[in-house]
Protein backbone atom coordinates (compact mmCIF):
# COMPACT_ATOMS: atom_id res chain seq x y z
CA MET A 1 -27.44 -5.09 6.85
CA ILE A 2 -28.63 -3.64 3.42
CA LYS A 3 -26.37 -0.93 2.33
CA LYS A 4 -28.37 2.04 0.92
CA LYS A 5 -27.16 2.51 -2.55
CA ASN A 6 -27.52 6.05 -3.04
CA PRO A 7 -27.47 8.07 -0.06
CA THR A 8 -28.83 11.92 -0.54
CA GLN A 9 -26.59 14.73 0.03
CA GLU A 10 -28.53 15.44 3.42
CA ASP A 11 -27.69 12.09 4.84
CA LEU A 12 -23.96 12.60 3.87
CA GLU A 13 -23.87 15.80 5.65
CA THR A 14 -25.79 14.48 8.58
CA TRP A 15 -23.14 11.74 8.72
CA LYS A 16 -20.17 14.01 8.55
CA ASN A 17 -21.52 16.27 11.35
CA TYR A 18 -22.11 13.14 13.54
CA ILE A 19 -18.67 11.91 13.11
CA LYS A 20 -17.17 15.31 14.27
CA ASN A 21 -19.08 15.06 17.54
CA PRO A 22 -20.80 11.78 18.63
CA THR A 23 -22.51 12.79 21.60
CA ASP A 24 -24.35 9.51 22.05
CA ILE A 25 -21.24 7.21 22.14
CA VAL A 26 -19.59 6.85 25.61
CA ASP A 27 -16.32 5.22 26.67
CA LYS A 28 -17.16 2.73 29.24
CA ASP A 29 -13.82 2.80 30.85
CA GLU A 30 -13.81 6.44 31.35
CA GLN A 31 -17.35 6.41 32.56
CA LYS A 32 -16.60 3.76 35.17
CA LEU A 33 -13.74 6.04 36.58
CA ALA A 34 -15.97 9.15 36.60
CA LYS A 35 -18.67 7.55 38.51
CA LYS A 36 -18.34 9.39 41.93
CA ASP A 37 -20.43 11.84 43.91
CA ASN A 38 -19.64 14.07 47.03
CA PHE A 39 -18.43 11.27 49.12
CA ARG A 40 -18.72 7.82 47.35
CA PHE A 41 -16.77 6.31 44.53
CA LYS A 42 -18.53 3.69 42.54
CA TYR A 43 -16.53 0.78 40.68
CA ASP A 44 -17.85 -2.29 38.87
CA LEU A 45 -16.13 -5.56 39.08
CA HIS A 46 -18.04 -7.68 36.89
CA GLY A 47 -15.75 -9.64 34.59
CA TYR A 48 -12.76 -9.43 37.04
CA SER A 49 -11.09 -12.62 38.12
CA LEU A 50 -10.54 -13.00 41.87
CA SER A 51 -6.81 -11.97 41.57
CA ASN A 52 -7.38 -9.13 39.23
CA ALA A 53 -10.43 -7.86 41.46
CA ASN A 54 -8.12 -7.99 44.28
CA GLU A 55 -5.40 -5.92 42.94
CA LYS A 56 -8.18 -3.48 41.61
CA ILE A 57 -9.56 -3.20 45.10
CA GLU A 58 -6.23 -2.60 46.72
CA GLU A 59 -5.70 0.03 44.08
CA LEU A 60 -8.94 1.66 44.56
CA ILE A 61 -8.92 1.82 48.40
CA LEU A 62 -5.50 3.62 48.19
CA ASP A 63 -6.54 5.91 45.72
CA CYS A 64 -10.05 6.77 47.42
CA ILE A 65 -7.86 7.52 50.76
CA ASN A 66 -5.85 10.17 48.73
CA LYS A 67 -8.81 11.40 47.37
CA LYS A 68 -10.56 11.64 50.60
CA PHE A 69 -13.58 9.56 49.73
CA LYS A 70 -15.66 8.35 52.58
CA GLU A 71 -17.11 5.24 50.84
CA LEU A 72 -16.49 2.81 48.15
CA LEU A 73 -19.43 1.41 46.27
CA ILE A 74 -18.11 -1.82 44.54
CA ILE A 75 -20.49 -3.72 42.49
CA THR A 76 -19.53 -7.46 42.48
CA GLY A 77 -22.56 -9.04 41.23
CA LYS A 78 -24.26 -11.96 43.10
CA GLY A 79 -22.02 -14.64 41.68
CA ILE A 80 -25.28 -16.56 40.21
CA HIS A 81 -23.18 -17.26 36.87
CA SER A 82 -20.16 -18.56 38.79
CA ASN A 83 -19.06 -22.04 37.54
CA THR A 84 -17.53 -23.10 40.88
CA SER A 85 -20.25 -25.53 41.85
CA LYS A 86 -18.81 -27.97 39.23
CA ASP A 87 -15.55 -28.27 40.98
CA VAL A 88 -15.75 -29.79 44.53
CA TYR A 89 -12.20 -28.30 45.43
CA VAL A 90 -13.05 -24.82 44.91
CA SER A 91 -15.32 -23.08 47.76
CA SER A 92 -18.64 -22.04 46.21
CA LYS A 93 -18.88 -19.00 48.68
CA PHE A 94 -15.25 -17.53 48.54
CA SER A 95 -14.80 -18.13 44.87
CA LYS A 96 -17.44 -15.21 44.46
CA LEU A 97 -16.14 -11.74 44.53
CA LYS A 98 -18.96 -10.58 47.07
CA TYR A 99 -17.28 -13.00 49.64
CA SER A 100 -13.67 -12.71 48.69
CA VAL A 101 -13.24 -8.94 48.24
CA PRO A 102 -14.12 -8.50 52.06
CA ASP A 103 -11.93 -11.32 52.95
CA PHE A 104 -9.04 -10.14 50.91
CA ILE A 105 -9.18 -6.46 52.43
CA ASN A 106 -9.52 -8.24 56.19
CA SER A 107 -6.60 -10.36 55.52
CA LYS A 108 -4.28 -7.35 54.59
CA PRO A 109 -3.33 -5.03 57.60
CA SER A 110 -2.04 -2.54 54.95
CA LEU A 111 -5.75 -2.22 53.57
CA SER A 112 -7.86 -3.05 56.53
CA LYS A 113 -6.39 -0.04 58.57
CA TYR A 114 -8.03 2.36 56.23
CA VAL A 115 -11.24 0.44 56.40
CA SER A 116 -13.85 1.10 59.13
CA SER A 117 -16.53 -1.06 57.71
CA ILE A 118 -17.64 -3.37 55.00
CA SER A 119 -21.30 -4.35 54.42
CA THR A 120 -23.80 -5.27 51.82
CA ALA A 121 -25.21 -2.39 49.97
CA ASN A 122 -28.75 -1.16 50.19
CA LEU A 123 -31.17 -2.26 47.56
CA LYS A 124 -31.12 0.93 45.67
CA ASP A 125 -27.24 0.56 45.30
CA GLY A 126 -27.15 -2.97 44.03
CA GLY A 127 -28.31 -4.94 47.33
CA ASP A 128 -26.71 -8.58 47.55
CA GLY A 129 -24.74 -7.62 44.26
CA ALA A 130 -22.80 -4.64 45.69
CA ILE A 131 -20.68 -3.90 48.88
CA ILE A 132 -20.01 -0.64 50.48
CA ILE A 133 -16.71 -0.10 52.11
CA LYS A 134 -16.60 2.74 54.43
CA LEU A 135 -13.32 4.42 54.80
CA LYS A 136 -11.40 6.09 57.60
CA LEU A 137 -10.08 9.59 56.96
């Protein structure tokens, strides 16, 4: 990047005003938590390990039950970047979040009692890279 040697007074004023209220910069973490609509809460698990994703799913389900959400849309990704195919001792299916998250929920009675169904999301909601968890209220 080449530094501008002599910024004009107008440039300096524009920069000072921008710094006071940077409207085009968003906090991704806050945005993740705010993504909800009338009945569905949406959360993206990209970058989570299996154990961290399971912990987060448990937290999300309990939180959504308390806040009276009917559905939870979980973006898991398709697992195409998973490197488990190199290890013969690791399941190529259950090492991916899109398979392990439903398995985790079904294996925990304390969570599964709140869930009426788990299914692959519609194409417009993420298709094979997302799951919809319908909650009992």
